[in-house]
Amino acid sequence: MKHQVHFIAEAEEDVVDIYRYLLAEDSRAAADSFLKRIEEACSSLQKLPGRGHVPPELYRIGVSDYLEIHCKPYRIIYQIIDRKVYIHCLLDGRRDIQEHLRWRILR
């Protein structure tokens, strides 16, 4: 049985912000390619949601109910509740995100 995948509002904003950035700083092709790769990665969680791992930044502070998968260079942080997958954020893995991740997930 497939899981349902849902983006919370902040995760949707992350996708839109990155798409707009790529559109302005690179090209429509790069922005569209990003969107397609993210959609494929998130859709794959319908069948295999448990394949991710706990983000090290959260593991170090004892939070283990969030997982992440990578869609280089982005990190997709999500949570599984019952048969639903909630995408909480999409972050650039090239940045130091410990404080940002702690603020977004633990607030």
PDB file of N, CA and C in Angstrom:
ATOM      1  N   MET A   1       0.843  -1.191   0.000  1.00  0.00           N
ATOM      2  CA  MET A   1       0.000   0.000   0.000  1.00  0.00           C
ATOM      3  C   MET A   1       0.885   1.250   0.000  1.00  0.00           C
ATOM      4  N   LYS A   2       0.522   2.194  -0.820  1.00  0.00           N
ATOM      5  CA  LYS A   2       1.291   3.427  -0.932  1.00  0.00           C
ATOM      6  C   LYS A   2       0.995   4.381   0.216  1.00  0.00           C
ATOM      7  N   HIS A   3       2.006   5.147   0.564  1.00  0.00           N
ATOM      8  CA  HIS A   3       1.842   6.239   1.516  1.00  0.00           C
ATOM      9  C   HIS A   3       1.423   7.489   0.736  1.00  0.00           C
ATOM     10  N   GLN A   4       0.711   8.361   1.392  1.00  0.00           N
ATOM     11  CA  GLN A   4       0.383   9.652   0.799  1.00  0.00           C
ATOM     12  C   GLN A   4       1.500  10.628   1.159  1.00  0.00           C
ATOM     13  N   VAL A   5       1.911  11.441   0.215  1.00  0.00           N
ATOM     14  CA  VAL A   5       2.967  12.423   0.438  1.00  0.00           C
ATOM     15  C   VAL A   5       2.344  13.813   0.428  1.00  0.00           C
ATOM     16  N   HIS A   6       2.625  14.574   1.486  1.00  0.00           N
ATOM     17  CA  HIS A   6       2.082  15.926   1.628  1.00  0.00           C
ATOM     18  C   HIS A   6       3.222  16.904   1.917  1.00  0.00           C
ATOM     19  N   PHE A   7       3.183  18.051   1.270  1.00  0.00           N
ATOM     20  CA  PHE A   7       4.119  19.135   1.568  1.00  0.00           C
ATOM     21  C   PHE A   7       3.456  20.080   2.550  1.00  0.00           C
ATOM     22  N   ILE A   8       4.122  20.387   3.662  1.00  0.00           N
ATOM     23  CA  ILE A   8       3.588  21.438   4.514  1.00  0.00           C
ATOM     24  C   ILE A   8       3.895  22.767   3.820  1.00  0.00           C
ATOM     25  N   ALA A   9       3.238  23.825   4.250  1.00  0.00           N
ATOM     26  CA  ALA A   9       3.346  25.114   3.558  1.00  0.00           C
ATOM     27  C   ALA A   9       4.785  25.604   3.442  1.00  0.00           C
ATOM     28  N   GLU A  10       5.579  25.454   4.500  1.00  0.00           N
ATOM     29  CA  GLU A  10       6.964  25.943   4.451  1.00  0.00           C
ATOM     30  C   GLU A  10       7.797  25.165   3.435  1.00  0.00           C
ATOM     31  N   ALA A  11       7.536  23.892   3.283  1.00  0.00           N
ATOM     32  CA  ALA A  11       8.260  23.102   2.288  1.00  0.00           C
ATOM     33  C   ALA A  11       7.878  23.545   0.876  1.00  0.00           C
ATOM     34  N   GLU A  12       6.612  23.847   0.672  1.00  0.00           N
ATOM     35  CA  GLU A  12       6.187  24.371  -0.631  1.00  0.00           C
ATOM     36  C   GLU A  12       6.901  25.685  -0.928  1.00  0.00           C
ATOM     37  N   GLU A  13       7.021  26.535   0.094  1.00  0.00           N
ATOM     38  CA  GLU A  13       7.723  27.808  -0.070  1.00  0.00           C
ATOM     39  C   GLU A  13       9.189  27.573  -0.419  1.00  0.00           C
ATOM     40  N   ASP A  14       9.807  26.572   0.208  1.00  0.00           N
ATOM     41  CA  ASP A  14      11.199  26.243  -0.105  1.00  0.00           C
ATOM     42  C   ASP A  14      11.351  25.915  -1.594  1.00  0.00           C
ATOM     43  N   VAL A  15      10.458  25.079  -2.103  1.00  0.00           N
ATOM     44  CA  VAL A  15      10.519  24.675  -3.516  1.00  0.00           C
ATOM     45  C   VAL A  15      10.340  25.888  -4.417  1.00  0.00           C
ATOM     46  N   VAL A  16       9.370  26.715  -4.122  1.00  0.00           N
ATOM     47  CA  VAL A  16       9.114  27.910  -4.942  1.00  0.00           C
ATOM     48  C   VAL A  16      10.308  28.859  -4.885  1.00  0.00           C
ATOM     49  N   ASP A  17      10.881  29.066  -3.710  1.00  0.00           N
ATOM     50  CA  ASP A  17      12.035  29.960  -3.577  1.00  0.00           C
ATOM     51  C   ASP A  17      13.233  29.462  -4.383  1.00  0.00           C
ATOM     52  N   ILE A  18      13.508  28.174  -4.295  1.00  0.00           N
ATOM     53  CA  ILE A  18      14.643  27.619  -5.046  1.00  0.00           C
ATOM     54  C   ILE A  18      14.372  27.696  -6.545  1.00  0.00           C
ATOM     55  N   TYR A  19      13.156  27.373  -6.951  1.00  0.00           N
ATOM     56  CA  TYR A  19      12.794  27.452  -8.366  1.00  0.00           C
ATOM     57  C   TYR A  19      12.989  28.882  -8.887  1.00  0.00           C
ATOM     58  N   ARG A  20      12.500  29.853  -8.153  1.00  0.00           N
ATOM     59  CA  ARG A  20      12.638  31.262  -8.578  1.00  0.00           C
ATOM     60  C   ARG A  20      14.105  31.676  -8.647  1.00  0.00           C
ATOM     61  N   TYR A  21      14.874  31.232  -7.664  1.00  0.00           N
ATOM     62  CA  TYR A  21      16.304  31.555  -7.659  1.00  0.00           C
ATOM     63  C   TYR A  21      16.984  30.988  -8.911  1.00  0.00           C
ATOM     64  N   LEU A  22      16.725  29.715  -9.203  1.00  0.00           N
ATOM     65  CA  LEU A  22      17.335  29.095 -10.379  1.00  0.00           C
ATOM     66  C   LEU A  22      16.873  29.763 -11.668  1.00  0.00           C
ATOM     67  N   LEU A  23      15.630  30.149 -11.700  1.00  0.00           N
ATOM     68  CA  LEU A  23      15.087  30.833 -12.874  1.00  0.00           C
ATOM     69  C   LEU A  23      15.798  32.166 -13.099  1.00  0.00           C
ATOM     70  N   ALA A  24      16.050  32.896 -12.018  1.00  0.00           N
ATOM     71  CA  ALA A  24      16.686  34.212 -12.126  1.00  0.00           C
ATOM     72  C   ALA A  24      18.201  34.120 -12.333  1.00  0.00           C
ATOM     73  N   GLU A  25      18.845  33.169 -11.675  1.00  0.00           N
ATOM     74  CA  GLU A  25      20.305  33.112 -11.679  1.00  0.00           C
ATOM     75  C   GLU A  25      20.895  32.123 -12.671  1.00  0.00           C
ATOM     76  N   ASP A  26      20.073  31.192 -13.175  1.00  0.00           N
ATOM     77  CA  ASP A  26      20.592  30.187 -14.088  1.00  0.00           C
ATOM     78  C   ASP A  26      19.741  30.186 -15.358  1.00  0.00           C
ATOM     79  N   SER A  27      18.768  29.300 -15.439  1.00  0.00           N
ATOM     80  CA  SER A  27      17.927  29.242 -16.640  1.00  0.00           C
ATOM     81  C   SER A  27      16.618  28.535 -16.321  1.00  0.00           C
ATOM     82  N   ARG A  28      15.669  28.674 -17.217  1.00  0.00           N
ATOM     83  CA  ARG A  28      14.400  27.959 -17.054  1.00  0.00           C
ATOM     84  C   ARG A  28      14.645  26.454 -17.089  1.00  0.00           C
ATOM     85  N   ALA A  29      15.556  26.018 -17.937  1.00  0.00           N
ATOM     86  CA  ALA A  29      15.861  24.579 -18.025  1.00  0.00           C
ATOM     87  C   ALA A  29      16.382  24.050 -16.685  1.00  0.00           C
ATOM     88  N   ALA A  30      17.265  24.806 -16.045  1.00  0.00           N
ATOM     89  CA  ALA A  30      17.801  24.387 -14.740  1.00  0.00           C
ATOM     90  C   ALA A  30      16.699  24.370 -13.694  1.00  0.00           C
ATOM     91  N   ALA A  31      15.839  25.380 -13.705  1.00  0.00           N
ATOM     92  CA  ALA A  31      14.743  25.449 -12.733  1.00  0.00           C
ATOM     93  C   ALA A  31      13.759  24.300 -12.954  1.00  0.00           C
ATOM     94  N   ASP A  32      13.427  24.029 -14.213  1.00  0.00           N
ATOM     95  CA  ASP A  32      12.506  22.931 -14.515  1.00  0.00           C
ATOM     96  C   ASP A  32      13.116  21.577 -14.163  1.00  0.00           C
ATOM     97  N   SER A  33      14.402  21.420 -14.407  1.00  0.00           N
ATOM     98  CA  SER A  33      15.093  20.177 -14.070  1.00  0.00           C
ATOM     99  C   SER A  33      15.079  19.947 -12.555  1.00  0.00           C
ATOM    100  N   PHE A  34      15.332  21.011 -11.797  1.00  0.00           N
ATOM    101  CA  PHE A  34      15.267  20.942 -10.336  1.00  0.00           C
ATOM    102  C   PHE A  34      13.885  20.477  -9.891  1.00  0.00           C
ATOM    103  N   LEU A  35      12.859  21.093 -10.441  1.00  0.00           N
ATOM    104  CA  LEU A  35      11.490  20.768 -10.046  1.00  0.00           C
ATOM    105  C   LEU A  35      11.157  19.309 -10.364  1.00  0.00           C
ATOM    106  N   LYS A  36      11.566  18.843 -11.510  1.00  0.00           N
ATOM    107  CA  LYS A  36      11.310  17.456 -11.898  1.00  0.00           C
ATOM    108  C   LYS A  36      12.025  16.482 -10.964  1.00  0.00           C
ATOM    109  N   ARG A  37      13.282  16.756 -10.632  1.00  0.00           N
ATOM    110  CA  ARG A  37      14.040  15.875  -9.742  1.00  0.00           C
ATOM    111  C   ARG A  37      13.444  15.839  -8.339  1.00  0.00           C
ATOM    112  N   ILE A  38      12.999  16.992  -7.853  1.00  0.00           N
ATOM    113  CA  ILE A  38      12.391  17.046  -6.519  1.00  0.00           C
ATOM    114  C   ILE A  38      11.065  16.291  -6.518  1.00  0.00           C
ATOM    115  N   GLU A  39      10.263  16.488  -7.543  1.00  0.00           N
ATOM    116  CA  GLU A  39       8.986  15.767  -7.630  1.00  0.00           C
ATOM    117  C   GLU A  39       9.208  14.258  -7.655  1.00  0.00           C
ATOM    118  N   GLU A  40      10.198  13.801  -8.410  1.00  0.00           N
ATOM    119  CA  GLU A  40      10.494  12.368  -8.487  1.00  0.00           C
ATOM    120  C   GLU A  40      10.972  11.831  -7.138  1.00  0.00           C
ATOM    121  N   ALA A  41      11.852  12.570  -6.479  1.00  0.00           N
ATOM    122  CA  ALA A  41      12.374  12.133  -5.181  1.00  0.00           C
ATOM    123  C   ALA A  41      11.252  12.039  -4.148  1.00  0.00           C
ATOM    124  N   CYS A  42      10.396  13.047  -4.109  1.00  0.00           N
ATOM    125  CA  CYS A  42       9.302  13.048  -3.135  1.00  0.00           C
ATOM    126  C   CYS A  42       8.262  11.983  -3.463  1.00  0.00           C
ATOM    127  N   SER A  43       7.985  11.788  -4.733  1.00  0.00           N
ATOM    128  CA  SER A  43       7.035  10.749  -5.130  1.00  0.00           C
ATOM    129  C   SER A  43       7.550   9.354  -4.767  1.00  0.00           C
ATOM    130  N   SER A  44       8.850   9.181  -4.790  1.00  0.00           N
ATOM    131  CA  SER A  44       9.423   7.870  -4.451  1.00  0.00           C
ATOM    132  C   SER A  44       9.157   7.498  -2.998  1.00  0.00           C
ATOM    133  N   LEU A  45       8.839   8.480  -2.174  1.00  0.00           N
ATOM    134  CA  LEU A  45       8.536   8.206  -0.765  1.00  0.00           C
ATOM    135  C   LEU A  45       7.186   7.517  -0.595  1.00  0.00           C
ATOM    136  N   GLN A  46       6.359   7.528  -1.634  1.00  0.00           N
ATOM    137  CA  GLN A  46       5.083   6.813  -1.565  1.00  0.00           C
ATOM    138  C   GLN A  46       5.312   5.326  -1.334  1.00  0.00           C
ATOM    139  N   LYS A  47       6.322   4.771  -1.985  1.00  0.00           N
ATOM    140  CA  LYS A  47       6.567   3.330  -1.907  1.00  0.00           C
ATOM    141  C   LYS A  47       7.610   2.961  -0.856  1.00  0.00           C
ATOM    142  N   LEU A  48       8.598   3.798  -0.663  1.00  0.00           N
ATOM    143  CA  LEU A  48       9.698   3.475   0.252  1.00  0.00           C
ATOM    144  C   LEU A  48       9.983   4.623   1.224  1.00  0.00           C
ATOM    145  N   PRO A  49       9.044   4.983   2.067  1.00  0.00           N
ATOM    146  CA  PRO A  49       9.263   6.135   2.931  1.00  0.00           C
ATOM    147  C   PRO A  49      10.332   5.926   4.000  1.00  0.00           C
ATOM    148  N   GLY A  50      10.555   4.692   4.397  1.00  0.00           N
ATOM    149  CA  GLY A  50      11.523   4.433   5.461  1.00  0.00           C
ATOM    150  C   GLY A  50      12.958   4.348   5.007  1.00  0.00           C
ATOM    151  N   ARG A  51      13.221   4.611   3.737  1.00  0.00           N
ATOM    152  CA  ARG A  51      14.579   4.465   3.227  1.00  0.00           C
ATOM    153  C   ARG A  51      15.515   5.591   3.636  1.00  0.00           C
ATOM    154  N   GLY A  52      14.967   6.680   4.112  1.00  0.00           N
ATOM    155  CA  GLY A  52      15.798   7.811   4.521  1.00  0.00           C
ATOM    156  C   GLY A  52      16.524   7.528   5.818  1.00  0.00           C
ATOM    157  N   HIS A  53      17.296   8.503   6.253  1.00  0.00           N
ATOM    158  CA  HIS A  53      18.006   8.382   7.529  1.00  0.00           C
ATOM    159  C   HIS A  53      17.769   9.647   8.356  1.00  0.00           C
ATOM    160  N   VAL A  54      18.000   9.525   9.649  1.00  0.00           N
ATOM    161  CA  VAL A  54      17.820  10.667  10.546  1.00  0.00           C
ATOM    162  C   VAL A  54      18.926  11.674  10.234  1.00  0.00           C
ATOM    163  N   PRO A  55      18.564  12.946  10.019  1.00  0.00           N
ATOM    164  CA  PRO A  55      19.597  13.962   9.778  1.00  0.00           C
ATOM    165  C   PRO A  55      20.551  14.029  10.975  1.00  0.00           C
ATOM    166  N   PRO A  56      21.862  14.033  10.725  1.00  0.00           N
ATOM    167  CA  PRO A  56      22.820  14.036  11.826  1.00  0.00           C
ATOM    168  C   PRO A  56      22.633  15.198  12.795  1.00  0.00           C
ATOM    169  N   GLU A  57      22.224  16.350  12.265  1.00  0.00           N
ATOM    170  CA  GLU A  57      22.026  17.523  13.133  1.00  0.00           C
ATOM    171  C   GLU A  57      20.921  17.278  14.146  1.00  0.00           C
ATOM    172  N   LEU A  58      19.893  16.522  13.753  1.00  0.00           N
ATOM    173  CA  LEU A  58      18.803  16.214  14.682  1.00  0.00           C
ATOM    174  C   LEU A  58      19.163  15.040  15.578  1.00  0.00           C
ATOM    175  N   TYR A  59      19.868  14.078  15.032  1.00  0.00           N
ATOM    176  CA  TYR A  59      20.285  12.918  15.822  1.00  0.00           C
ATOM    177  C   TYR A  59      21.123  13.360  17.024  1.00  0.00           C
ATOM    178  N   ARG A  60      22.020  14.324  16.796  1.00  0.00           N
ATOM    179  CA  ARG A  60      22.895  14.808  17.873  1.00  0.00           C
ATOM    180  C   ARG A  60      22.131  15.433  19.028  1.00  0.00           C
ATOM    181  N   ILE A  61      20.927  15.931  18.768  1.00  0.00           N
ATOM    182  CA  ILE A  61      20.144  16.534  19.857  1.00  0.00           C
ATOM    183  C   ILE A  61      18.997  15.623  20.294  1.00  0.00           C
ATOM    184  N   GLY A  62      19.052  14.365  19.881  1.00  0.00           N
ATOM    185  CA  GLY A  62      18.092  13.373  20.351  1.00  0.00           C
ATOM    186  C   GLY A  62      16.759  13.339  19.633  1.00  0.00           C
ATOM    187  N   VAL A  63      16.671  13.957  18.466  1.00  0.00           N
ATOM    188  CA  VAL A  63      15.429  13.941  17.688  1.00  0.00           C
ATOM    189  C   VAL A  63      15.579  12.892  16.594  1.00  0.00           C
ATOM    190  N   SER A  64      14.715  11.881  16.626  1.00  0.00           N
ATOM    191  CA  SER A  64      14.880  10.799  15.662  1.00  0.00           C
ATOM    192  C   SER A  64      13.614  10.478  14.873  1.00  0.00           C
ATOM    193  N   ASP A  65      12.593  11.312  14.974  1.00  0.00           N
ATOM    194  CA  ASP A  65      11.364  11.005  14.243  1.00  0.00           C
ATOM    195  C   ASP A  65      11.257  11.724  12.898  1.00  0.00           C
ATOM    196  N   TYR A  66      12.357  12.310  12.435  1.00  0.00           N
ATOM    197  CA  TYR A  66      12.422  12.923  11.115  1.00  0.00           C
ATOM    198  C   TYR A  66      13.485  12.195  10.313  1.00  0.00           C
ATOM    199  N   LEU A  67      13.231  12.055   9.034  1.00  0.00           N
ATOM    200  CA  LEU A  67      14.173  11.414   8.135  1.00  0.00           C
ATOM    201  C   LEU A  67      14.527  12.366   7.008  1.00  0.00           C
ATOM    202  N   GLU A  68      15.558  12.014   6.277  1.00  0.00           N
ATOM    203  CA  GLU A  68      15.920  12.813   5.115  1.00  0.00           C
ATOM    204  C   GLU A  68      16.356  11.909   3.985  1.00  0.00           C
ATOM    205  N   ILE A  69      16.102  12.400   2.782  1.00  0.00           N
ATOM    206  CA  ILE A  69      16.685  11.830   1.580  1.00  0.00           C
ATOM    207  C   ILE A  69      17.383  12.974   0.870  1.00  0.00           C
ATOM    208  N   HIS A  70      18.270  12.615  -0.025  1.00  0.00           N
ATOM    209  CA  HIS A  70      19.029  13.634  -0.743  1.00  0.00           C
ATOM    210  C   HIS A  70      18.633  13.658  -2.204  1.00  0.00           C
ATOM    211  N   CYS A  71      18.564  14.846  -2.707  1.00  0.00           N
ATOM    212  CA  CYS A  71      18.388  15.099  -4.133  1.00  0.00           C
ATOM    213  C   CYS A  71      19.431  16.185  -4.410  1.00  0.00           C
ATOM    214  N   LYS A  72      20.664  15.751  -4.564  1.00  0.00           N
ATOM    215  CA  LYS A  72      21.838  16.623  -4.562  1.00  0.00           C
ATOM    216  C   LYS A  72      21.611  17.902  -5.345  1.00  0.00           C
ATOM    217  N   PRO A  73      21.952  19.027  -4.771  1.00  0.00           N
ATOM    218  CA  PRO A  73      22.577  19.239  -3.474  1.00  0.00           C
ATOM    219  C   PRO A  73      21.561  19.474  -2.340  1.00  0.00           C
ATOM    220  N   TYR A  74      20.313  19.135  -2.579  1.00  0.00           N
ATOM    221  CA  TYR A  74      19.261  19.445  -1.612  1.00  0.00           C
ATOM    222  C   TYR A  74      18.964  18.270  -0.684  1.00  0.00           C
ATOM    223  N   ARG A  75      18.525  18.613   0.500  1.00  0.00           N
ATOM    224  CA  ARG A  75      18.123  17.636   1.505  1.00  0.00           C
ATOM    225  C   ARG A  75      16.626  17.800   1.730  1.00  0.00           C
ATOM    226  N   ILE A  76      15.909  16.708   1.642  1.00  0.00           N
ATOM    227  CA  ILE A  76      14.460  16.711   1.841  1.00  0.00           C
ATOM    228  C   ILE A  76      14.199  16.088   3.210  1.00  0.00           C
ATOM    229  N   ILE A  77      13.677  16.900   4.125  1.00  0.00           N
ATOM    230  CA  ILE A  77      13.435  16.458   5.492  1.00  0.00           C
ATOM    231  C   ILE A  77      11.946  16.144   5.629  1.00  0.00           C
ATOM    232  N   TYR A  78      11.639  14.952   6.134  1.00  0.00           N
ATOM    233  CA  TYR A  78      10.249  14.526   6.199  1.00  0.00           C
ATOM    234  C   TYR A  78       9.976  13.692   7.443  1.00  0.00           C
ATOM    235  N   GLN A  79       8.708  13.469   7.677  1.00  0.00           N
ATOM    236  CA  GLN A  79       8.241  12.707   8.830  1.00  0.00           C
ATOM    237  C   GLN A  79       7.148  11.758   8.357  1.00  0.00           C
ATOM    238  N   ILE A  80       7.151  10.553   8.910  1.00  0.00           N
ATOM    239  CA  ILE A  80       6.122   9.570   8.586  1.00  0.00           C
ATOM    240  C   ILE A  80       5.183   9.459   9.773  1.00  0.00           C
ATOM    241  N   ILE A  81       3.908   9.683   9.520  1.00  0.00           N
ATOM    242  CA  ILE A  81       2.871   9.534  10.551  1.00  0.00           C
ATOM    243  C   ILE A  81       1.777   8.679   9.938  1.00  0.00           C
ATOM    244  N   ASP A  82       1.582   7.517  10.547  1.00  0.00           N
ATOM    245  CA  ASP A  82       0.653   6.521  10.016  1.00  0.00           C
ATOM    246  C   ASP A  82       1.076   6.191   8.579  1.00  0.00           C
ATOM    247  N   ARG A  83       0.218   6.370   7.628  1.00  0.00           N
ATOM    248  CA  ARG A  83       0.552   6.065   6.229  1.00  0.00           C
ATOM    249  C   ARG A  83       0.721   7.351   5.415  1.00  0.00           C
ATOM    250  N   LYS A  84       1.125   8.404   6.113  1.00  0.00           N
ATOM    251  CA  LYS A  84       1.330   9.685   5.444  1.00  0.00           C
ATOM    252  C   LYS A  84       2.765  10.155   5.654  1.00  0.00           C
ATOM    253  N   VAL A  85       3.312  10.744   4.608  1.00  0.00           N
ATOM    254  CA  VAL A  85       4.642  11.324   4.646  1.00  0.00           C
ATOM    255  C   VAL A  85       4.466  12.832   4.550  1.00  0.00           C
ATOM    256  N   TYR A  86       5.018  13.536   5.531  1.00  0.00           N
ATOM    257  CA  TYR A  86       4.935  15.001   5.537  1.00  0.00           C
ATOM    258  C   TYR A  86       6.316  15.567   5.245  1.00  0.00           C
ATOM    259  N   ILE A  87       6.423  16.266   4.115  1.00  0.00           N
ATOM    260  CA  ILE A  87       7.668  16.936   3.759  1.00  0.00           C
ATOM    261  C   ILE A  87       7.687  18.248   4.536  1.00  0.00           C
ATOM    262  N   HIS A  88       8.702  18.409   5.390  1.00  0.00           N
ATOM    263  CA  HIS A  88       8.784  19.605   6.230  1.00  0.00           C
ATOM    264  C   HIS A  88       9.660  20.693   5.640  1.00  0.00           C
ATOM    265  N   CYS A  89      10.741  20.303   4.977  1.00  0.00           N
ATOM    266  CA  CYS A  89      11.583  21.336   4.385  1.00  0.00           C
ATOM    267  C   CYS A  89      12.500  20.751   3.320  1.00  0.00           C
ATOM    268  N   LEU A  90      12.938  21.629   2.482  1.00  0.00           N
ATOM    269  CA  LEU A  90      13.875  21.319   1.420  1.00  0.00           C
ATOM    270  C   LEU A  90      15.013  22.315   1.586  1.00  0.00           C
ATOM    271  N   LEU A  91      16.203  21.805   1.918  1.00  0.00           N
ATOM    272  CA  LEU A  91      17.310  22.687   2.266  1.00  0.00           C
ATOM    273  C   LEU A  91      18.522  22.416   1.391  1.00  0.00           C
ATOM    274  N   ASP A  92      19.295  23.450   1.149  1.00  0.00           N
ATOM    275  CA  ASP A  92      20.515  23.328   0.373  1.00  0.00           C
ATOM    276  C   ASP A  92      21.576  22.663   1.243  1.00  0.00           C
ATOM    277  N   GLY A  93      22.013  21.479   0.850  1.00  0.00           N
ATOM    278  CA  GLY A  93      22.976  20.720   1.630  1.00  0.00           C
ATOM    279  C   GLY A  93      24.370  21.320   1.666  1.00  0.00           C
ATOM    280  N   ARG A  94      24.635  22.338   0.865  1.00  0.00           N
ATOM    281  CA  ARG A  94      25.952  22.985   0.860  1.00  0.00           C
ATOM    282  C   ARG A  94      26.072  24.026   1.968  1.00  0.00           C
ATOM    283  N   ARG A  95      24.979  24.312   2.624  1.00  0.00           N
ATOM    284  CA  ARG A  95      24.981  25.318   3.681  1.00  0.00           C
ATOM    285  C   ARG A  95      25.028  24.666   5.052  1.00  0.00           C
ATOM    286  N   ASP A  96      25.501  25.426   6.043  1.00  0.00           N
ATOM    287  CA  ASP A  96      25.458  24.956   7.423  1.00  0.00           C
ATOM    288  C   ASP A  96      24.020  25.152   7.887  1.00  0.00           C
ATOM    289  N   ILE A  97      23.327  24.072   8.087  1.00  0.00           N
ATOM    290  CA  ILE A  97      21.895  24.192   8.342  1.00  0.00           C
ATOM    291  C   ILE A  97      21.475  23.778   9.746  1.00  0.00           C
ATOM    292  N   GLN A  98      22.429  23.535  10.627  1.00  0.00           N
ATOM    293  CA  GLN A  98      22.075  23.020  11.947  1.00  0.00           C
ATOM    294  C   GLN A  98      21.077  23.925  12.669  1.00  0.00           C
ATOM    295  N   GLU A  99      21.358  25.189  12.786  1.00  0.00           N
ATOM    296  CA  GLU A  99      20.438  26.093  13.488  1.00  0.00           C
ATOM    297  C   GLU A  99      19.125  26.252  12.741  1.00  0.00           C
ATOM    298  N   HIS A 100      19.221  26.358  11.431  1.00  0.00           N
ATOM    299  CA  HIS A 100      18.011  26.512  10.618  1.00  0.00           C
ATOM    300  C   HIS A 100      17.110  25.291  10.767  1.00  0.00           C
ATOM    301  N   LEU A 101      17.712  24.117  10.705  1.00  0.00           N
ATOM    302  CA  LEU A 101      16.947  22.883  10.827  1.00  0.00           C
ATOM    303  C   LEU A 101      16.342  22.762  12.215  1.00  0.00           C
ATOM    304  N   ARG A 102      17.103  23.064  13.228  1.00  0.00           N
ATOM    305  CA  ARG A 102      16.592  23.003  14.608  1.00  0.00           C
ATOM    306  C   ARG A 102      15.412  23.958  14.783  1.00  0.00           C
ATOM    307  N   TRP A 103      15.538  25.164  14.239  1.00  0.00           N
ATOM    308  CA  TRP A 103      14.455  26.155  14.361  1.00  0.00           C
ATOM    309  C   TRP A 103      13.211  25.687  13.616  1.00  0.00           C
ATOM    310  N   ARG A 104      13.376  25.184  12.403  1.00  0.00           N
ATOM    311  CA  ARG A 104      12.226  24.776  11.585  1.00  0.00           C
ATOM    312  C   ARG A 104      11.514  23.562  12.147  1.00  0.00           C
ATOM    313  N   ILE A 105      12.265  22.569  12.600  1.00  0.00           N
ATOM    314  CA  ILE A 105      11.668  21.323  13.039  1.00  0.00           C
ATOM    315  C   ILE A 105      11.170  21.395  14.471  1.00  0.00           C
ATOM    316  N   LEU A 106      11.886  22.072  15.332  1.00  0.00           N
ATOM    317  CA  LEU A 106      11.561  22.026  16.760  1.00  0.00           C
ATOM    318  C   LEU A 106      10.705  23.170  17.273  1.00  0.00           C
ATOM    319  N   ARG A 107      10.330  24.098  16.445  1.00  0.00           N
ATOM    320  CA  ARG A 107       9.570  25.245  16.950  1.00  0.00           C
ATOM    321  C   ARG A 107       8.208  24.878  17.367  1.00  0.00           C
TER     322      ARG A 107
END
